């Protein structure tokens, strides 16, 4: 588990979250489908499904709920994951399991402003790093930053 060195983001957003590298497709922005499944998309298409807020959890400095802004089922807003970490999706609320709470830890990278996004709790087998498949079709958690760039994310402030 990485050091407990969370970064406090300057404000709650809105943000596009873009993966650093390691992809074999044009997909790079954290996105979702209207059903609430999470993947990557190649551009901000104006649907709202690539726009996220990062809202600090009250009484937990440096811990955030990452929420979808619009463009999906309104009952599915919170970025979440399965207990085994193999699925990242959206759910209706923060269920206090830790799986809807995330930390932004500065990535060990020569490129500024990239973060490892780590789930706070509720998973097994050490899967805590937000990651994606090389083709961008699957977002999941893995146990470590493997150096591919797919566990390093930039929070890009957007005006929409």
Protein backbone atom coordinates (compact mmCIF):
# COMPACT_ATOMS: atom_id res chain seq x y z
CA UNK A 1 0.00 0.00 0.00
CA UNK A 2 1.38 3.42 -0.89
CA UNK A 3 2.16 6.06 1.68
CA UNK A 4 -0.82 7.93 3.05
CA UNK A 5 0.19 11.10 1.19
CA UNK A 6 -3.06 12.35 -0.30
CA UNK A 7 -3.26 15.60 -2.19
CA UNK A 8 -6.02 18.07 -1.56
CA UNK A 9 -7.43 19.12 -4.93
CA UNK A 10 -7.91 22.88 -5.34
CA UNK A 11 -11.68 22.59 -5.79
CA UNK A 12 -14.38 20.04 -6.55
CA UNK A 13 -14.16 20.43 -10.33
CA UNK A 14 -15.59 19.78 -12.80
CA UNK A 15 -12.77 17.62 -14.18
CA UNK A 16 -11.86 15.34 -17.03
CA UNK A 17 -9.66 12.52 -15.70
CA UNK A 18 -7.12 11.48 -18.32
CA UNK A 19 -4.81 8.47 -18.13
CA UNK A 20 -1.13 9.22 -18.78
CA UNK A 21 -0.08 6.52 -21.27
CA UNK A 22 0.11 2.79 -21.93
CA UNK A 23 -2.89 2.67 -24.21
CA UNK A 24 -3.11 1.12 -27.67
CA UNK A 25 -6.20 3.11 -28.64
CA UNK A 26 -7.22 6.78 -28.70
CA UNK A 27 -9.30 6.33 -25.55
CA UNK A 28 -7.87 8.20 -22.57
CA UNK A 29 -10.67 10.03 -20.68
CA UNK A 30 -12.48 8.39 -17.79
CA UNK A 31 -16.04 7.96 -19.01
CA UNK A 32 -19.18 5.96 -18.42
CA UNK A 33 -22.03 4.49 -20.36
CA UNK A 34 -25.61 5.50 -19.62
CA UNK A 35 -25.98 2.17 -17.78
CA UNK A 36 -23.33 3.19 -15.23
CA UNK A 37 -20.47 0.98 -16.44
CA UNK A 38 -17.13 2.82 -16.53
CA UNK A 39 -14.60 2.84 -19.37
CA UNK A 40 -12.42 5.30 -21.28
CA UNK A 41 -13.51 7.48 -24.18
CA UNK A 42 -11.39 9.29 -26.77
CA UNK A 43 -12.77 12.81 -26.26
CA UNK A 44 -15.14 14.89 -24.21
CA UNK A 45 -18.16 14.37 -26.47
CA UNK A 46 -20.42 16.89 -24.73
CA UNK A 47 -22.70 14.19 -23.27
CA UNK A 48 -21.52 14.91 -19.73
CA UNK A 49 -20.23 11.36 -19.32
CA UNK A 50 -16.60 12.49 -19.24
CA UNK A 51 -17.22 15.26 -16.67
CA UNK A 52 -16.61 14.44 -13.00
CA UNK A 53 -16.56 16.24 -9.68
CA UNK A 54 -14.26 15.35 -6.81
CA UNK A 55 -16.03 16.29 -3.60
CA UNK A 56 -14.10 16.04 -0.36
CA UNK A 57 -15.82 13.73 2.13
CA UNK A 58 -16.77 15.74 5.25
CA UNK A 59 -14.41 15.05 8.19
CA UNK A 60 -12.00 13.08 5.94
CA UNK A 61 -9.39 15.52 4.57
CA UNK A 62 -7.86 14.36 1.29
CA UNK A 63 -10.58 11.75 0.72
CA UNK A 64 -13.02 12.32 -2.14
CA UNK A 65 -16.22 11.05 -3.65
CA UNK A 66 -15.74 11.12 -7.42
CA UNK A 67 -19.13 11.81 -8.97
CA UNK A 68 -20.50 11.82 -12.50
CA UNK A 69 -22.00 15.18 -13.35
CA UNK A 70 -24.64 14.28 -15.95
CA UNK A 71 -25.35 12.11 -18.98
CA UNK A 72 -26.17 8.89 -17.17
CA UNK A 73 -28.88 7.37 -15.01
CA UNK A 74 -29.34 10.02 -12.27
CA UNK A 75 -29.44 7.28 -9.63
CA UNK A 76 -25.88 6.26 -10.56
CA UNK A 77 -23.46 9.05 -9.72
CA UNK A 78 -20.70 7.77 -7.41
CA UNK A 79 -17.55 6.14 -8.80
CA UNK A 80 -17.37 2.76 -7.08
CA UNK A 81 -15.81 -0.66 -7.45
CA UNK A 82 -16.57 -4.28 -6.71
CA UNK A 83 -15.16 -5.96 -3.59
CA UNK A 84 -12.67 -7.91 -5.71
CA UNK A 85 -11.65 -4.76 -7.64
CA UNK A 86 -12.31 -6.25 -11.07
CA UNK A 87 -15.15 -3.87 -11.89
CA UNK A 88 -15.43 -0.09 -11.61
CA UNK A 89 -18.92 1.33 -12.02
CA UNK A 90 -21.31 3.97 -10.78
CA UNK A 91 -23.72 3.52 -7.89
CA UNK A 92 -26.38 5.68 -6.23
CA UNK A 93 -24.63 6.73 -3.02
CA UNK A 94 -21.64 6.43 -0.72
CA UNK A 95 -22.46 3.21 1.15
CA UNK A 96 -19.63 3.81 3.70
CA UNK A 97 -17.74 0.69 2.53
CA UNK A 98 -14.79 2.81 1.36
CA UNK A 99 -15.34 1.77 -2.25
CA UNK A 100 -16.81 5.16 -3.19
CA UNK A 101 -14.01 7.08 -1.46
CA UNK A 102 -10.78 7.89 -3.26
CA UNK A 103 -7.41 9.51 -2.58
CA UNK A 104 -5.28 11.41 -5.09
CA UNK A 105 -1.62 10.58 -4.43
CA UNK A 106 1.04 12.37 -6.50
CA UNK A 107 2.43 9.82 -8.97
CA UNK A 108 6.12 9.04 -8.98
CA UNK A 109 6.55 10.58 -12.41
CA UNK A 110 8.71 13.23 -14.06
CA UNK A 111 5.50 14.65 -15.55
CA UNK A 112 3.78 17.11 -13.23
CA UNK A 113 0.21 16.95 -12.00
CA UNK A 114 -0.41 13.23 -12.42
CA UNK A 115 -1.92 11.21 -9.61
CA UNK A 116 -2.46 7.65 -8.61
CA UNK A 117 -6.15 7.46 -7.70
CA UNK A 118 -6.59 4.94 -4.89
CA UNK A 119 -9.74 3.52 -3.37
CA UNK A 120 -9.85 4.04 0.40
CA UNK A 121 -11.20 0.63 1.45
CA UNK A 122 -13.64 -2.20 1.03
CA UNK A 123 -11.63 -4.22 -1.48
CA UNK A 124 -9.72 -7.45 -1.11
CA UNK A 125 -6.42 -8.77 -2.46
CA UNK A 126 -4.69 -5.38 -2.31
CA UNK A 127 -6.41 -3.94 -5.39
CA UNK A 128 -6.46 -0.20 -4.72
CA UNK A 129 -5.05 1.58 -7.82
CA UNK A 130 -7.54 2.87 -10.40
CA UNK A 131 -6.36 1.39 -13.69
CA UNK A 132 -7.55 0.47 -17.16
CA UNK A 133 -6.94 -2.07 -19.89
CA UNK A 134 -4.61 -1.15 -22.74
CA UNK A 135 -7.57 -0.79 -25.12
CA UNK A 136 -9.48 1.44 -22.65
CA UNK A 137 -12.58 -0.74 -22.68
CA UNK A 138 -12.24 -1.80 -19.03
CA UNK A 139 -11.55 0.22 -15.90
CA UNK A 140 -10.62 -1.75 -12.81
CA UNK A 141 -8.30 -1.74 -9.81
CA UNK A 142 -4.87 -3.33 -9.58
CA UNK A 143 -2.41 -3.85 -6.73
CA UNK A 144 0.38 -1.46 -7.74
CA UNK A 145 1.47 1.21 -10.16
CA UNK A 146 3.06 -1.09 -12.75
CA UNK A 147 4.84 1.73 -14.60
CA UNK A 148 2.66 1.42 -17.73
CA UNK A 149 1.09 4.85 -17.17
CA UNK A 150 -2.40 3.35 -16.90
CA UNK A 151 -2.52 3.98 -13.14
CA UNK A 152 -1.53 7.64 -13.50
CA UNK A 153 -4.29 10.17 -14.01
CA UNK A 154 -4.45 13.89 -14.59
CA UNK A 155 -7.33 15.92 -13.18
CA UNK A 156 -7.96 18.43 -15.97
CA UNK A 157 -10.16 21.31 -14.90
CA UNK A 158 -12.95 21.86 -17.40
CA UNK A 159 -15.44 24.71 -17.70
CA UNK A 160 -18.48 22.55 -18.48
